[in-house]
Amino acid sequence: MARKEKTLSQQVADSILSMITVDGVLKPGDKLPNENEFSASLHVSRATLREAVRILVSHNVLEIRRGRGTYVVERSLHEHPISEDELSGLRMDLRELFEFRLMVEPRTAWYAARRATDRELEKILEYGRREEELIAAGEDRTEVEQAFHKSIAIAAHNEFMGRLIPIIYKAIYQGVRFSQHNEQVVQDTLTDHRMLMDFIAQRNAVGAETAMRLHILHAVSSFGIDLEEW
């Protein structure tokens, strides 16, 4: 069955959510801008903005405080990933981390290619381009590469996936730390990310899924990890 086209208010709700989870323009506890100014900046009517706000309130992302305005919820689900204590208790080694990434990230890319809003697509491509610039300049790319993968996870529009991002970060951190001086691995990363960006930009879900799988397998190979079943 074809995925139902989102209404304008749902698209605006997605844009506001991206401001919170991807851009960091709005943070937990922040008050939303004046309604007139905010609707103008989003190029929508006040009625559409109000409906978008209602959607986010129903999902516990925003809260309306009587007489004070609308605020980003300080302890909403998307701000509660798996904790460090939970991570340490899992006792995962790198092999298990990469197995986990292969289980979830390729399909996440598939959903991102299908579900990403225009704004989320722009952020994915922006982080990809920034990473290329950092690599060319010989600078640390860890945070930007993590943001690249996070933006793809957010664009999949699955709250459970959002809570698993810290585990993915752990594997990415280890991979970047190990590979940043390995020219072949760095080149593989550039090639893989460009291919992934192209497929997502084309909204080619199968291509995005395949590109993500190849990207992770290249990382696995660089560590000398044997995942025969993959």
Protein backbone atom coordinates (compact mmCIF):
# COMPACT_ATOMS: atom_id res chain seq x y z
CA MET A 1 0.00 0.00 0.00
CA ALA A 2 1.35 3.43 -0.92
CA ARG A 3 2.39 5.67 1.96
CA LYS A 4 -0.20 8.38 2.58
CA GLU A 5 0.91 11.87 1.57
CA LYS A 6 1.55 14.08 4.56
CA THR A 7 -0.57 17.16 5.12
CA LEU A 8 1.07 20.58 5.26
CA SER A 9 0.63 20.72 9.03
CA GLN A 10 2.36 17.33 9.38
CA GLN A 11 5.23 18.56 7.21
CA VAL A 12 5.55 21.66 9.41
CA ALA A 13 5.50 19.45 12.51
CA ASP A 14 8.36 17.43 10.99
CA SER A 15 10.29 20.65 10.32
CA ILE A 16 9.88 21.79 13.92
CA LEU A 17 10.93 18.36 15.17
CA SER A 18 14.06 18.61 13.00
CA MET A 19 14.85 21.99 14.58
CA ILE A 20 14.88 20.17 17.92
CA THR A 21 16.48 16.82 17.10
CA VAL A 22 18.75 17.59 14.15
CA ASP A 23 19.56 21.31 14.02
CA GLY A 24 19.60 22.05 17.73
CA VAL A 25 17.97 25.42 16.99
CA LEU A 26 15.33 24.61 19.60
CA LYS A 27 16.38 22.83 22.78
CA PRO A 28 14.45 21.17 25.63
CA GLY A 29 12.90 23.92 27.73
CA ASP A 30 13.02 26.55 24.97
CA LYS A 31 9.97 28.67 24.24
CA LEU A 32 8.76 28.70 20.64
CA PRO A 33 9.03 32.05 18.84
CA ASN A 34 6.09 34.42 18.55
CA GLU A 35 3.35 32.78 16.46
CA ASN A 36 3.30 35.50 13.81
CA GLU A 37 7.09 35.47 13.40
CA PHE A 38 7.35 31.68 13.52
CA SER A 39 4.63 31.08 10.93
CA ALA A 40 6.22 33.69 8.67
CA SER A 41 9.65 32.06 8.97
CA LEU A 42 8.11 28.69 8.07
CA HIS A 43 6.13 30.26 5.19
CA VAL A 44 2.81 28.91 6.45
CA SER A 45 -0.36 30.36 7.92
CA ARG A 46 -0.91 30.70 11.65
CA ALA A 47 -3.68 28.08 11.41
CA THR A 48 -1.27 25.56 9.87
CA LEU A 49 1.33 26.29 12.54
CA ARG A 50 -1.24 25.80 15.29
CA GLU A 51 -2.21 22.40 13.86
CA ALA A 52 1.48 21.41 13.64
CA VAL A 53 1.91 22.43 17.28
CA ARG A 54 -1.12 20.32 18.24
CA ILE A 55 0.47 17.32 16.51
CA LEU A 56 3.72 17.76 18.45
CA VAL A 57 1.87 18.34 21.72
CA SER A 58 0.04 15.04 21.18
CA HIS A 59 3.43 13.33 20.76
CA ASN A 60 4.84 14.93 23.94
CA VAL A 61 7.41 16.96 22.01
CA LEU A 62 5.86 20.36 22.83
CA GLU A 63 3.74 21.55 25.72
CA ILE A 64 1.43 24.56 25.98
CA ARG A 65 1.74 26.49 29.24
CA ARG A 66 -1.32 28.64 29.80
CA GLY A 67 -0.56 32.33 29.65
CA ARG A 68 3.13 31.70 28.96
CA GLY A 69 3.40 30.14 25.50
CA THR A 70 4.51 26.89 23.88
CA TYR A 71 7.69 25.15 25.00
CA VAL A 72 9.85 22.22 23.94
CA VAL A 73 9.24 19.45 26.47
CA GLU A 74 12.29 19.04 28.66
CA ARG A 75 12.02 15.29 29.06
CA SER A 76 10.38 14.00 25.93
CA LEU A 77 11.08 10.57 24.48
CA HIS A 78 13.40 11.84 21.75
CA GLU A 79 15.67 13.35 24.43
CA HIS A 80 15.93 10.08 26.34
CA PRO A 81 18.27 7.72 24.51
CA ILE A 82 19.67 4.63 26.13
CA SER A 83 21.75 5.80 29.10
CA GLU A 84 25.50 5.37 29.60
CA ASP A 85 24.77 2.97 32.46
CA GLU A 86 22.67 0.83 30.14
CA LEU A 87 25.42 0.90 27.52
CA SER A 88 28.14 -0.16 29.94
CA GLY A 89 25.94 -2.96 31.17
CA LEU A 90 25.63 -4.37 27.65
CA ARG A 91 29.38 -5.16 27.48
CA MET A 92 29.42 -5.02 23.72
CA ASP A 93 32.61 -5.57 21.75
CA LEU A 94 33.23 -4.05 18.32
CA ARG A 95 32.07 -7.15 16.51
CA GLU A 96 28.72 -6.98 18.24
CA LEU A 97 28.47 -3.23 17.61
CA PHE A 98 28.97 -3.70 13.89
CA GLU A 99 26.58 -6.66 13.84
CA PHE A 100 24.01 -4.37 15.43
CA ARG A 101 24.65 -1.65 12.86
CA LEU A 102 24.20 -4.15 10.04
CA MET A 103 20.93 -5.28 11.59
CA VAL A 104 19.37 -1.83 11.75
CA GLU A 105 21.15 0.90 9.79
CA PRO A 106 20.66 -0.35 6.22
CA ARG A 107 16.91 -0.58 6.74
CA THR A 108 16.97 2.77 8.52
CA ALA A 109 18.48 4.28 5.37
CA TRP A 110 15.69 2.62 3.37
CA TYR A 111 13.05 4.34 5.50
CA ALA A 112 14.93 7.65 5.48
CA ALA A 113 14.94 7.68 1.68
CA ARG A 114 11.17 7.12 1.74
CA ARG A 115 10.17 9.34 4.67
CA ALA A 116 12.63 12.25 4.93
CA THR A 117 11.09 15.68 4.77
CA ASP A 118 12.74 18.17 2.44
CA ARG A 119 14.37 19.85 5.42
CA GLU A 120 15.69 16.56 6.79
CA LEU A 121 17.05 15.68 3.36
CA GLU A 122 18.87 19.01 3.27
CA LYS A 123 20.45 18.29 6.68
CA ILE A 124 21.64 14.83 5.60
CA LEU A 125 23.32 16.31 2.54
CA GLU A 126 24.70 19.25 4.53
CA TYR A 127 26.38 16.98 7.08
CA GLY A 128 27.75 14.81 4.29
CA ARG A 129 29.29 17.83 2.57
CA ARG A 130 30.72 19.14 5.85
CA GLU A 131 32.35 15.79 6.49
CA GLU A 132 33.97 15.89 3.06
CA GLU A 133 35.35 19.37 3.86
CA LEU A 134 36.80 18.19 7.18
CA ILE A 135 38.44 15.18 5.56
CA ALA A 136 39.94 17.41 2.85
CA ALA A 137 41.29 19.74 5.55
CA GLY A 138 42.68 16.85 7.59
CA GLU A 139 40.50 17.75 10.58
CA ASP A 140 38.61 15.52 13.01
CA ARG A 141 35.26 14.45 11.54
CA THR A 142 33.88 12.40 14.44
CA GLU A 143 31.06 14.73 15.49
CA VAL A 144 29.98 15.48 11.93
CA GLU A 145 29.97 11.81 10.93
CA GLN A 146 27.86 11.03 13.98
CA ALA A 147 25.51 13.88 13.03
CA PHE A 148 25.32 12.48 9.48
CA HIS A 149 24.17 9.09 10.73
CA LYS A 150 21.87 10.67 13.31
CA SER A 151 20.17 12.79 10.66
CA ILE A 152 19.47 9.62 8.65
CA ALA A 153 18.06 7.91 11.76
CA ILE A 154 15.83 10.90 12.52
CA ALA A 155 14.59 10.98 8.91
CA ALA A 156 13.41 7.37 9.28
CA HIS A 157 10.73 8.70 11.65
CA ASN A 158 10.92 5.85 14.13
CA GLU A 159 11.20 6.83 17.80
CA PHE A 160 12.77 3.54 18.86
CA MET A 161 15.53 4.00 16.32
CA GLY A 162 16.20 7.43 17.80
CA ARG A 163 16.79 5.86 21.21
CA LEU A 164 19.41 3.50 19.78
CA ILE A 165 21.56 6.29 18.34
CA PRO A 166 24.06 6.26 21.28
CA ILE A 167 25.02 2.68 20.42
CA ILE A 168 25.65 3.68 16.82
CA TYR A 169 27.70 6.65 18.04
CA LYS A 170 29.94 4.30 19.99
CA ALA A 171 30.78 2.28 16.89
CA ILE A 172 31.27 5.41 14.75
CA TYR A 173 33.62 6.95 17.35
CA GLN A 174 35.75 3.82 17.40
CA GLY A 175 35.77 3.65 13.61
CA VAL A 176 36.80 7.27 13.07
CA ARG A 177 39.48 7.12 15.78
CA PHE A 178 40.99 4.05 14.17
CA SER A 179 40.68 5.07 10.54
CA GLN A 180 41.36 8.81 10.39
CA HIS A 181 44.99 8.22 9.37
CA ASN A 182 44.25 5.29 7.06
CA GLU A 183 43.95 6.75 3.56
CA GLN A 184 42.10 3.78 2.08
CA VAL A 185 39.49 3.74 4.85
CA VAL A 186 39.00 7.50 4.56
CA GLN A 187 38.54 7.18 0.80
CA ASP A 188 36.04 4.36 1.29
CA THR A 189 34.10 6.57 3.70
CA LEU A 190 33.99 9.41 1.17
CA THR A 191 32.85 7.12 -1.63
CA ASP A 192 30.28 5.31 0.51
CA HIS A 193 28.79 8.51 1.93
CA ARG A 194 28.55 10.15 -1.49
CA MET A 195 26.75 7.09 -2.84
CA LEU A 196 24.44 7.04 0.19
CA MET A 197 23.71 10.76 -0.16
CA ASP A 198 22.94 10.36 -3.86
CA PHE A 199 20.48 7.52 -3.31
CA ILE A 200 18.72 9.31 -0.45
CA ALA A 201 18.54 12.52 -2.51
CA GLN A 202 16.93 10.47 -5.30
CA ARG A 203 14.65 8.86 -2.70
CA ASN A 204 15.90 5.51 -3.92
CA ALA A 205 15.23 3.34 -0.85
CA VAL A 206 16.81 0.15 -2.16
CA GLY A 207 19.93 1.99 -3.27
CA ALA A 208 20.22 3.76 0.10
CA GLU A 209 19.87 0.47 1.96
CA THR A 210 22.57 -1.16 -0.18
CA ALA A 211 24.93 1.81 0.15
CA MET A 212 24.62 1.80 3.94
CA ARG A 213 25.29 -1.92 4.09
CA LEU A 214 28.42 -1.51 1.96
CA HIS A 215 29.59 1.38 4.12
CA ILE A 216 29.34 -0.66 7.30
CA LEU A 217 30.98 -3.70 5.70
CA HIS A 218 33.91 -1.53 4.62
CA ALA A 219 34.26 -0.38 8.24
CA VAL A 220 34.08 -3.99 9.43
CA SER A 221 36.83 -4.94 6.99
CA SER A 222 39.07 -2.10 8.16
CA PHE A 223 38.99 -3.56 11.69
CA GLY A 224 39.74 -7.06 10.44
CA ILE A 225 36.47 -8.33 11.90
CA ASP A 226 35.11 -11.53 10.40
CA LEU A 227 31.35 -11.48 9.87
CA GLU A 228 31.02 -14.49 7.57
CA GLU A 229 27.24 -14.62 7.77
CA TRP A 230 27.00 -11.13 6.28
